[in-house]
Amino acid sequence: MKTVFNCTTLFTIAVFVFTTSIANAQWRNETHDAYNAPTGIAVQIDGDLSEWGGIMDTVTGTDGTAFCGVLFEANGGDIKAFEEYNGGIWNDANDHETCFMFTWDEDALYLALSVTDDDHEHAAAAAWNGDGAQLAVEPTGKREAGLPLFLYNIGLDGAAENVILQNEVTNGSPGLAADDAAIVRDEGAKKTYYEFRFPATELQIEGDQFSEGMELGVGICINDGDTGDGQNGQRGWDGWYPHAVVYGKNSEKTGLVILSSTAVTAVEPADKLTTTWGTLKASR
């Protein structure tokens, strides 16, 4: 049987492809759309980010700036540092700002977050409803609409003592285990540190191993609540492509993580990122 395409059909296909490309383009950050994740770091999931010290210097956007601060396109295509929600008020980077890093080995993808937050608030039982992270992983890296997402919510309770973990959508996988995630709050520095491990088996990667050149779509939404003036709960967010998980679950609105061959050795000079990101075991 021969398939025949006439001019009308071809025009319709062309319009669809063009329209889809334009729609996706408004969600693409011009300088920080792709993260080339290095390897070579032995990550311990404990909320101490000192072993990550060399990564933020190594991985930057195409404009040379780190993956920190203004990193996503909010509703309508405008690049913003923070998106207010449900009456929430964002003052400045001291109120809320997220920096993040990825690394990988054959067994897992790792994510570290350093969140500046002047007021830790999490009174609700739900992991996302207050200061907490909502994470989306699209394991093929195709970033097209309708693709399956792995979804995880995690937060630190109001006393900054207990981690709340919700495996929201795992597509038949067991979900993240308790030792795959850690959160530490440094109240003196007004920072919250997150570490995550996403095993290749959990994300159903072919062959159960990551390798150089693999691509994944990832959305990072870091919610913010404050304890005063009725600002508790989810009152806004920042992160990297948070619209992968807010206003619906949107696989096409993820950022691209590329597993690179770049090897990074952790650094520990006092004036480097080990100071900025913090060595926090003593404060746990």
C-alpha atoms as a PDB file:
ATOM      1  CA  MET A   1       0.000   0.000   0.000  1.00  0.00           C
ATOM      2  CA  LYS A   2       1.456   3.365  -1.029  1.00  0.00           C
ATOM      3  CA  THR A   3       1.072   6.395   1.227  1.00  0.00           C
ATOM      4  CA  VAL A   4       0.351   9.552  -0.793  1.00  0.00           C
ATOM      5  CA  PHE A   5       0.999  13.037   0.603  1.00  0.00           C
ATOM      6  CA  ASN A   6      -0.679  15.888  -1.212  1.00  0.00           C
ATOM      7  CA  CYS A   7       0.173  19.562  -0.880  1.00  0.00           C
ATOM      8  CA  THR A   8      -2.511  20.156   1.772  1.00  0.00           C
ATOM      9  CA  THR A   9      -1.187  17.323   3.932  1.00  0.00           C
ATOM     10  CA  LEU A  10       2.405  18.496   3.651  1.00  0.00           C
ATOM     11  CA  PHE A  11       1.388  22.076   4.475  1.00  0.00           C
ATOM     12  CA  THR A  12      -0.543  20.886   7.542  1.00  0.00           C
ATOM     13  CA  ILE A  13       2.464  18.887   8.753  1.00  0.00           C
ATOM     14  CA  ALA A  14       4.783  21.854   8.197  1.00  0.00           C
ATOM     15  CA  VAL A  15       2.471  24.202  10.113  1.00  0.00           C
ATOM     16  CA  PHE A  16       2.223  21.713  12.994  1.00  0.00           C
ATOM     17  CA  VAL A  17       6.012  21.306  13.223  1.00  0.00           C
ATOM     18  CA  PHE A  18       6.569  25.081  13.016  1.00  0.00           C
ATOM     19  CA  THR A  19       3.874  25.836  15.605  1.00  0.00           C
ATOM     20  CA  THR A  20       5.191  23.167  17.969  1.00  0.00           C
ATOM     21  CA  SER A  21       8.734  24.513  17.615  1.00  0.00           C
ATOM     22  CA  ILE A  22       7.577  28.051  18.410  1.00  0.00           C
ATOM     23  CA  ALA A  23       5.564  26.825  21.408  1.00  0.00           C
ATOM     24  CA  ASN A  24       8.542  24.905  22.766  1.00  0.00           C
ATOM     25  CA  ALA A  25      10.923  27.795  22.072  1.00  0.00           C
ATOM     26  CA  GLN A  26       9.170  30.082  24.536  1.00  0.00           C
ATOM     27  CA  TRP A  27      10.054  27.608  27.278  1.00  0.00           C
ATOM     28  CA  ARG A  28      13.689  27.341  26.301  1.00  0.00           C
ATOM     29  CA  ASN A  29      16.180  29.422  28.221  1.00  0.00           C
ATOM     30  CA  GLU A  30      18.565  30.929  25.669  1.00  0.00           C
ATOM     31  CA  THR A  31      21.692  30.573  27.821  1.00  0.00           C
ATOM     32  CA  HIS A  32      20.877  27.773  30.306  1.00  0.00           C
ATOM     33  CA  ASP A  33      18.761  25.253  28.403  1.00  0.00           C
ATOM     34  CA  ALA A  34      21.318  22.406  28.542  1.00  0.00           C
ATOM     35  CA  TYR A  35      23.424  21.231  31.478  1.00  0.00           C
ATOM     36  CA  ASN A  36      26.548  19.212  30.569  1.00  0.00           C
ATOM     37  CA  ALA A  37      26.843  17.054  33.675  1.00  0.00           C
ATOM     38  CA  PRO A  38      30.426  16.068  34.516  1.00  0.00           C
ATOM     39  CA  THR A  39      31.562  12.865  36.173  1.00  0.00           C
ATOM     40  CA  GLY A  40      34.344  11.910  38.591  1.00  0.00           C
ATOM     41  CA  ILE A  41      32.746  13.004  41.888  1.00  0.00           C
ATOM     42  CA  ALA A  42      32.123  10.446  44.650  1.00  0.00           C
ATOM     43  CA  VAL A  43      28.820  11.738  46.032  1.00  0.00           C
ATOM     44  CA  GLN A  44      27.654  10.958  49.559  1.00  0.00           C
ATOM     45  CA  ILE A  45      23.953  11.597  50.094  1.00  0.00           C
ATOM     46  CA  ASP A  46      24.166  13.431  53.413  1.00  0.00           C
ATOM     47  CA  GLY A  47      23.434  17.110  52.765  1.00  0.00           C
ATOM     48  CA  ASP A  48      27.135  17.986  52.965  1.00  0.00           C
ATOM     49  CA  LEU A  49      27.994  19.468  49.573  1.00  0.00           C
ATOM     50  CA  SER A  50      31.739  19.864  50.018  1.00  0.00           C
ATOM     51  CA  GLU A  51      32.575  17.163  47.440  1.00  0.00           C
ATOM     52  CA  TRP A  52      30.714  19.202  44.785  1.00  0.00           C
ATOM     53  CA  GLY A  53      33.148  22.117  45.041  1.00  0.00           C
ATOM     54  CA  GLY A  54      34.610  22.021  41.528  1.00  0.00           C
ATOM     55  CA  ILE A  55      31.413  21.533  39.570  1.00  0.00           C
ATOM     56  CA  MET A  56      29.825  24.970  39.548  1.00  0.00           C
ATOM     57  CA  ASP A  57      33.087  26.472  38.299  1.00  0.00           C
ATOM     58  CA  THR A  58      33.165  23.876  35.507  1.00  0.00           C
ATOM     59  CA  VAL A  59      29.567  23.904  34.246  1.00  0.00           C
ATOM     60  CA  THR A  60      28.119  27.251  33.173  1.00  0.00           C
ATOM     61  CA  GLY A  61      25.601  28.505  30.643  1.00  0.00           C
ATOM     62  CA  THR A  62      26.607  29.704  27.212  1.00  0.00           C
ATOM     63  CA  ASP A  63      27.020  33.199  28.661  1.00  0.00           C
ATOM     64  CA  GLY A  64      29.571  31.923  31.198  1.00  0.00           C
ATOM     65  CA  THR A  65      27.374  32.303  34.284  1.00  0.00           C
ATOM     66  CA  ALA A  66      26.584  29.498  36.727  1.00  0.00           C
ATOM     67  CA  PHE A  67      23.301  27.607  36.943  1.00  0.00           C
ATOM     68  CA  CYS A  68      22.135  29.836  39.739  1.00  0.00           C
ATOM     69  CA  GLY A  69      19.425  32.487  40.033  1.00  0.00           C
ATOM     70  CA  VAL A  70      17.622  33.548  36.829  1.00  0.00           C
ATOM     71  CA  LEU A  71      17.369  30.184  35.152  1.00  0.00           C
ATOM     72  CA  PHE A  72      13.870  29.571  33.844  1.00  0.00           C
ATOM     73  CA  GLU A  73      11.166  31.037  31.698  1.00  0.00           C
ATOM     74  CA  ALA A  74       7.954  31.707  33.575  1.00  0.00           C
ATOM     75  CA  ASN A  75       4.382  31.757  32.285  1.00  0.00           C
ATOM     76  CA  GLY A  76       4.255  33.814  29.092  1.00  0.00           C
ATOM     77  CA  GLY A  77       7.907  33.317  28.194  1.00  0.00           C
ATOM     78  CA  ASP A  78       9.503  35.990  30.399  1.00  0.00           C
ATOM     79  CA  ILE A  79      12.713  35.002  32.162  1.00  0.00           C
ATOM     80  CA  LYS A  80      12.277  35.527  35.884  1.00  0.00           C
ATOM     81  CA  ALA A  81      14.222  34.781  39.044  1.00  0.00           C
ATOM     82  CA  PHE A  82      11.056  33.805  40.932  1.00  0.00           C
ATOM     83  CA  GLU A  83       7.406  33.210  40.108  1.00  0.00           C
ATOM     84  CA  GLU A  84       4.923  34.352  42.747  1.00  0.00           C
ATOM     85  CA  TYR A  85       1.807  32.243  43.315  1.00  0.00           C
ATOM     86  CA  ASN A  86      -1.436  32.419  45.298  1.00  0.00           C
ATOM     87  CA  GLY A  87      -0.703  35.765  46.914  1.00  0.00           C
ATOM     88  CA  GLY A  88       2.953  35.039  47.532  1.00  0.00           C
ATOM     89  CA  ILE A  89       5.468  37.890  47.674  1.00  0.00           C
ATOM     90  CA  TRP A  90       9.112  37.592  46.602  1.00  0.00           C
ATOM     91  CA  ASN A  91      11.442  40.337  47.794  1.00  0.00           C
ATOM     92  CA  ASP A  92      14.888  39.488  46.444  1.00  0.00           C
ATOM     93  CA  ALA A  93      17.513  36.733  46.214  1.00  0.00           C
ATOM     94  CA  ASN A  94      17.828  36.650  50.005  1.00  0.00           C
ATOM     95  CA  ASP A  95      14.140  35.767  50.189  1.00  0.00           C
ATOM     96  CA  HIS A  96      14.614  32.800  47.850  1.00  0.00           C
ATOM     97  CA  GLU A  97      17.224  31.743  45.288  1.00  0.00           C
ATOM     98  CA  THR A  98      18.210  28.309  43.995  1.00  0.00           C
ATOM     99  CA  CYS A  99      21.559  27.112  42.644  1.00  0.00           C
ATOM    100  CA  PHE A 100      21.992  23.557  41.379  1.00  0.00           C
ATOM    101  CA  MET A 101      24.516  21.046  40.059  1.00  0.00           C
ATOM    102  CA  PHE A 102      24.412  17.595  38.424  1.00  0.00           C
ATOM    103  CA  THR A 103      26.984  14.838  38.244  1.00  0.00           C
ATOM    104  CA  TRP A 104      26.760  11.172  37.282  1.00  0.00           C
ATOM    105  CA  ASP A 105      28.355   7.745  37.267  1.00  0.00           C
ATOM    106  CA  GLU A 106      27.289   4.466  35.668  1.00  0.00           C
ATOM    107  CA  ASP A 107      24.866   3.697  38.462  1.00  0.00           C
ATOM    108  CA  ALA A 108      23.132   7.010  39.116  1.00  0.00           C
ATOM    109  CA  LEU A 109      22.474  10.656  38.304  1.00  0.00           C
ATOM    110  CA  TYR A 110      23.086  13.019  41.239  1.00  0.00           C
ATOM    111  CA  LEU A 111      21.599  16.438  41.949  1.00  0.00           C
ATOM    112  CA  ALA A 112      22.664  19.033  44.531  1.00  0.00           C
ATOM    113  CA  LEU A 113      20.676  22.146  45.433  1.00  0.00           C
ATOM    114  CA  SER A 114      21.745  25.134  47.473  1.00  0.00           C
ATOM    115  CA  VAL A 115      18.695  27.226  48.317  1.00  0.00           C
ATOM    116  CA  THR A 116      19.047  30.644  49.923  1.00  0.00           C
ATOM    117  CA  ASP A 117      15.906  31.159  52.010  1.00  0.00           C
ATOM    118  CA  ASP A 118      15.587  33.652  54.862  1.00  0.00           C
ATOM    119  CA  ASP A 119      12.600  31.866  56.445  1.00  0.00           C
ATOM    120  CA  HIS A 120      12.181  28.078  56.533  1.00  0.00           C
ATOM    121  CA  GLU A 121       8.482  27.163  56.544  1.00  0.00           C
ATOM    122  CA  HIS A 122       6.891  23.742  56.209  1.00  0.00           C
ATOM    123  CA  ALA A 123       3.806  23.236  58.361  1.00  0.00           C
ATOM    124  CA  ALA A 124       1.825  21.083  55.896  1.00  0.00           C
ATOM    125  CA  ALA A 125       1.972  17.308  55.630  1.00  0.00           C
ATOM    126  CA  ALA A 126       2.496  17.330  51.844  1.00  0.00           C
ATOM    127  CA  ALA A 127       6.147  17.457  50.800  1.00  0.00           C
ATOM    128  CA  TRP A 128       5.574  20.183  48.189  1.00  0.00           C
ATOM    129  CA  ASN A 129       3.348  22.498  50.240  1.00  0.00           C
ATOM    130  CA  GLY A 130       5.909  24.838  51.749  1.00  0.00           C
ATOM    131  CA  ASP A 131       9.685  24.904  51.440  1.00  0.00           C
ATOM    132  CA  GLY A 132      10.372  21.824  49.364  1.00  0.00           C
ATOM    133  CA  ALA A 133      11.379  20.451  45.970  1.00  0.00           C
ATOM    134  CA  GLN A 134       9.277  19.035  43.156  1.00  0.00           C
ATOM    135  CA  LEU A 135      11.411  17.161  40.641  1.00  0.00           C
ATOM    136  CA  ALA A 136      10.528  15.771  37.211  1.00  0.00           C
ATOM    137  CA  VAL A 137      12.694  13.449  35.097  1.00  0.00           C
ATOM    138  CA  GLU A 138      11.951  12.605  31.448  1.00  0.00           C
ATOM    139  CA  PRO A 139      14.457   9.789  30.869  1.00  0.00           C
ATOM    140  CA  THR A 140      14.674   9.859  27.063  1.00  0.00           C
ATOM    141  CA  GLY A 141      15.731  13.505  26.733  1.00  0.00           C
ATOM    142  CA  LYS A 142      13.281  14.000  23.847  1.00  0.00           C
ATOM    143  CA  ARG A 143      11.340  16.664  25.808  1.00  0.00           C
ATOM    144  CA  GLU A 144       8.166  16.262  23.797  1.00  0.00           C
ATOM    145  CA  ALA A 145       4.635  16.667  25.120  1.00  0.00           C
ATOM    146  CA  GLY A 146       2.970  13.587  26.593  1.00  0.00           C
ATOM    147  CA  LEU A 147       6.098  11.608  27.468  1.00  0.00           C
ATOM    148  CA  PRO A 148       6.134   9.713  30.794  1.00  0.00           C
ATOM    149  CA  LEU A 149       7.621  11.637  33.706  1.00  0.00           C
ATOM    150  CA  PHE A 150       9.099  10.365  36.931  1.00  0.00           C
ATOM    151  CA  LEU A 151       7.887  12.768  39.655  1.00  0.00           C
ATOM    152  CA  TYR A 152       9.249  13.218  43.177  1.00  0.00           C
ATOM    153  CA  ASN A 153       8.346  15.641  45.983  1.00  0.00           C
ATOM    154  CA  ILE A 154      10.593  16.206  48.985  1.00  0.00           C
ATOM    155  CA  GLY A 155      10.706  18.693  51.829  1.00  0.00           C
ATOM    156  CA  LEU A 156      12.079  19.289  55.309  1.00  0.00           C
ATOM    157  CA  ASP A 157       9.534  19.661  58.092  1.00  0.00           C
ATOM    158  CA  GLY A 158       9.021  22.930  59.975  1.00  0.00           C
ATOM    159  CA  ALA A 159      11.374  21.876  62.741  1.00  0.00           C
ATOM    160  CA  ALA A 160      14.086  21.229  60.131  1.00  0.00           C
ATOM    161  CA  GLU A 161      14.517  17.705  61.478  1.00  0.00           C
ATOM    162  CA  ASN A 162      12.595  15.195  59.335  1.00  0.00           C
ATOM    163  CA  VAL A 163      12.650  14.683  55.583  1.00  0.00           C
ATOM    164  CA  ILE A 164       9.260  14.197  53.911  1.00  0.00           C
ATOM    165  CA  LEU A 165       9.594  12.110  50.718  1.00  0.00           C
ATOM    166  CA  GLN A 166       6.783  11.419  48.253  1.00  0.00           C
ATOM    167  CA  ASN A 167       7.335   9.253  45.200  1.00  0.00           C
ATOM    168  CA  GLU A 168       4.495  10.773  43.181  1.00  0.00           C
ATOM    169  CA  VAL A 169       4.866   8.978  39.821  1.00  0.00           C
ATOM    170  CA  THR A 170       7.389   6.168  39.314  1.00  0.00           C
ATOM    171  CA  ASN A 171       5.989   4.300  36.282  1.00  0.00           C
ATOM    172  CA  GLY A 172       6.275   0.955  38.041  1.00  0.00           C
ATOM    173  CA  SER A 173       9.684   1.574  39.640  1.00  0.00           C
ATOM    174  CA  PRO A 174       9.994   1.404  43.448  1.00  0.00           C
ATOM    175  CA  GLY A 175      10.709   5.118  43.837  1.00  0.00           C
ATOM    176  CA  LEU A 176      13.527   6.866  45.681  1.00  0.00           C
ATOM    177  CA  ALA A 177      14.540   5.247  48.960  1.00  0.00           C
ATOM    178  CA  ALA A 178      15.189   7.183  52.154  1.00  0.00           C
ATOM    179  CA  ASP A 179      18.947   7.049  51.569  1.00  0.00           C
ATOM    180  CA  ASP A 180      18.563   8.505  48.039  1.00  0.00           C
ATOM    181  CA  ALA A 181      17.765  11.964  49.418  1.00  0.00           C
ATOM    182  CA  ALA A 182      19.026  14.268  52.150  1.00  0.00           C
ATOM    183  CA  ILE A 183      18.182  17.815  53.246  1.00  0.00           C
ATOM    184  CA  VAL A 184      20.099  19.949  55.727  1.00  0.00           C
ATOM    185  CA  ARG A 185      19.080  23.401  56.929  1.00  0.00           C
ATOM    186  CA  ASP A 186      21.766  25.853  58.040  1.00  0.00           C
ATOM    187  CA  GLU A 187      19.714  28.445  59.893  1.00  0.00           C
ATOM    188  CA  GLY A 188      22.703  30.689  60.567  1.00  0.00           C
ATOM    189  CA  ALA A 189      23.560  30.944  56.860  1.00  0.00           C
ATOM    190  CA  LYS A 190      19.859  30.999  55.845  1.00  0.00           C
ATOM    191  CA  LYS A 191      20.494  28.181  53.383  1.00  0.00           C
ATOM    192  CA  THR A 192      18.964  24.762  52.770  1.00  0.00           C
ATOM    193  CA  TYR A 193      21.034  22.046  51.099  1.00  0.00           C
ATOM    194  CA  TYR A 194      19.564  19.115  49.167  1.00  0.00           C
ATOM    195  CA  GLU A 195      21.236  16.024  47.690  1.00  0.00           C
ATOM    196  CA  PHE A 196      19.560  13.408  45.500  1.00  0.00           C
ATOM    197  CA  ARG A 197      20.541  10.140  43.857  1.00  0.00           C
ATOM    198  CA  PHE A 198      18.481   8.851  40.919  1.00  0.00           C
ATOM    199  CA  PRO A 199      19.550   5.251  40.207  1.00  0.00           C
ATOM    200  CA  ALA A 200      19.583   4.145  36.585  1.00  0.00           C
ATOM    201  CA  THR A 201      17.375   1.225  37.592  1.00  0.00           C
ATOM    202  CA  GLU A 202      14.798   3.615  39.097  1.00  0.00           C
ATOM    203  CA  LEU A 203      14.597   5.662  35.876  1.00  0.00           C
ATOM    204  CA  GLN A 204      14.412   2.447  33.799  1.00  0.00           C
ATOM    205  CA  ILE A 205      17.513   3.343  31.774  1.00  0.00           C
ATOM    206  CA  GLU A 206      18.277   0.720  29.147  1.00  0.00           C
ATOM    207  CA  GLY A 207      20.915  -1.693  30.420  1.00  0.00           C
ATOM    208  CA  ASP A 208      20.504  -0.250  33.946  1.00  0.00           C
ATOM    209  CA  GLN A 209      23.550   1.971  33.422  1.00  0.00           C
ATOM    210  CA  PHE A 210      24.210   5.565  32.468  1.00  0.00           C
ATOM    211  CA  SER A 211      26.847   6.333  29.863  1.00  0.00           C
ATOM    212  CA  GLU A 212      28.453   9.323  28.201  1.00  0.00           C
ATOM    213  CA  GLY A 213      26.203  11.128  25.743  1.00  0.00           C
ATOM    214  CA  MET A 214      22.901  10.102  27.293  1.00  0.00           C
ATOM    215  CA  GLU A 215      20.321  12.877  27.625  1.00  0.00           C
ATOM    216  CA  LEU A 216      17.493  13.378  30.117  1.00  0.00           C
ATOM    217  CA  GLY A 217      14.832  16.026  30.552  1.00  0.00           C
ATOM    218  CA  VAL A 218      14.700  17.441  34.098  1.00  0.00           C
ATOM    219  CA  GLY A 219      12.458  19.975  35.799  1.00  0.00           C
ATOM    220  CA  ILE A 220      13.366  21.497  39.177  1.00  0.00           C
ATOM    221  CA  CYS A 221      10.715  23.419  41.104  1.00  0.00           C
ATOM    222  CA  ILE A 222      11.725  24.742  44.530  1.00  0.00           C
ATOM    223  CA  ASN A 223       8.673  26.016  46.373  1.00  0.00           C
ATOM    224  CA  ASP A 224       8.798  28.786  48.945  1.00  0.00           C
ATOM    225  CA  GLY A 225       6.627  29.494  51.959  1.00  0.00           C
ATOM    226  CA  ASP A 226       7.168  32.015  54.754  1.00  0.00           C
ATOM    227  CA  THR A 227       5.846  32.011  58.302  1.00  0.00           C
ATOM    228  CA  GLY A 228       4.511  35.569  58.430  1.00  0.00           C
ATOM    229  CA  ASP A 229       1.546  37.428  56.917  1.00  0.00           C
ATOM    230  CA  GLY A 230      -0.265  34.330  55.714  1.00  0.00           C
ATOM    231  CA  GLN A 231       2.606  33.308  53.443  1.00  0.00           C
ATOM    232  CA  ASN A 232       2.742  29.677  54.560  1.00  0.00           C
ATOM    233  CA  GLY A 233       2.515  26.842  52.027  1.00  0.00           C
ATOM    234  CA  GLN A 234       3.261  27.004  48.313  1.00  0.00           C
ATOM    235  CA  ARG A 235       3.441  30.744  47.584  1.00  0.00           C
ATOM    236  CA  GLY A 236       5.827  30.694  44.658  1.00  0.00           C
ATOM    237  CA  TRP A 237       8.842  28.928  43.246  1.00  0.00           C
ATOM    238  CA  ASP A 238      12.112  29.145  41.398  1.00  0.00           C
ATOM    239  CA  GLY A 239      14.453  26.495  39.990  1.00  0.00           C
ATOM    240  CA  TRP A 240      15.068  25.269  36.449  1.00  0.00           C
ATOM    241  CA  TYR A 241      12.068  24.717  34.187  1.00  0.00           C
ATOM    242  CA  PRO A 242       9.608  24.433  37.098  1.00  0.00           C
ATOM    243  CA  HIS A 243       6.703  24.459  34.621  1.00  0.00           C
ATOM    244  CA  ALA A 244       7.492  20.796  34.080  1.00  0.00           C
ATOM    245  CA  VAL A 245       5.568  20.220  37.327  1.00  0.00           C
ATOM    246  CA  VAL A 246       3.385  23.294  37.988  1.00  0.00           C
ATOM    247  CA  TYR A 247       0.284  24.182  35.966  1.00  0.00           C
ATOM    248  CA  GLY A 248       0.158  20.529  34.940  1.00  0.00           C
ATOM    249  CA  LYS A 249       2.863  17.943  34.354  1.00  0.00           C
ATOM    250  CA  ASN A 250       4.650  18.949  31.173  1.00  0.00           C
ATOM    251  CA  SER A 251       7.419  16.764  29.769  1.00  0.00           C
ATOM    252  CA  GLU A 252       8.109  19.274  26.978  1.00  0.00           C
ATOM    253  CA  LYS A 253       8.965  21.962  29.544  1.00  0.00           C
ATOM    254  CA  THR A 254      12.012  20.246  31.040  1.00  0.00           C
ATOM    255  CA  GLY A 255      15.629  21.336  30.776  1.00  0.00           C
ATOM    256  CA  LEU A 256      18.166  19.086  29.068  1.00  0.00           C
ATOM    257  CA  VAL A 257      20.818  17.237  31.080  1.00  0.00           C
ATOM    258  CA  ILE A 258      23.611  15.774  28.951  1.00  0.00           C
ATOM    259  CA  LEU A 259      25.986  13.247  30.501  1.00  0.00           C
ATOM    260  CA  SER A 260      29.451  14.443  29.487  1.00  0.00           C
ATOM    261  CA  SER A 261      32.908  12.889  29.708  1.00  0.00           C
ATOM    262  CA  THR A 262      34.302  15.875  31.621  1.00  0.00           C
ATOM    263  CA  ALA A 263      35.895  14.676  34.843  1.00  0.00           C
ATOM    264  CA  VAL A 264      35.933  17.042  37.813  1.00  0.00           C
ATOM    265  CA  THR A 265      38.061  16.776  40.915  1.00  0.00           C
ATOM    266  CA  ALA A 266      36.552  18.245  44.053  1.00  0.00           C
ATOM    267  CA  VAL A 267      38.371  21.342  45.335  1.00  0.00           C
ATOM    268  CA  GLU A 268      38.593  22.593  48.884  1.00  0.00           C
ATOM    269  CA  PRO A 269      40.430  25.934  49.046  1.00  0.00           C
ATOM    270  CA  ALA A 270      38.856  28.171  51.668  1.00  0.00           C
ATOM    271  CA  ASP A 271      37.891  30.776  49.080  1.00  0.00           C
ATOM    272  CA  LYS A 272      36.189  28.313  46.722  1.00  0.00           C
ATOM    273  CA  LEU A 273      32.701  26.850  46.591  1.00  0.00           C
ATOM    274  CA  THR A 274      33.250  24.554  49.549  1.00  0.00           C
ATOM    275  CA  THR A 275      32.892  27.728  51.600  1.00  0.00           C
ATOM    276  CA  THR A 276      29.928  29.041  49.628  1.00  0.00           C
ATOM    277  CA  TRP A 277      28.012  25.755  49.606  1.00  0.00           C
ATOM    278  CA  GLY A 278      28.987  24.766  53.094  1.00  0.00           C
ATOM    279  CA  THR A 279      30.359  21.798  54.977  1.00  0.00           C
ATOM    280  CA  LEU A 280      27.440  21.038  57.219  1.00  0.00           C
ATOM    281  CA  LYS A 281      27.892  17.723  58.994  1.00  0.00           C
ATOM    282  CA  ALA A 282      28.738  19.509  62.219  1.00  0.00           C
ATOM    283  CA  SER A 283      25.468  21.466  62.104  1.00  0.00           C
ATOM    284  CA  ARG A 284      23.155  18.503  61.487  1.00  0.00           C
END
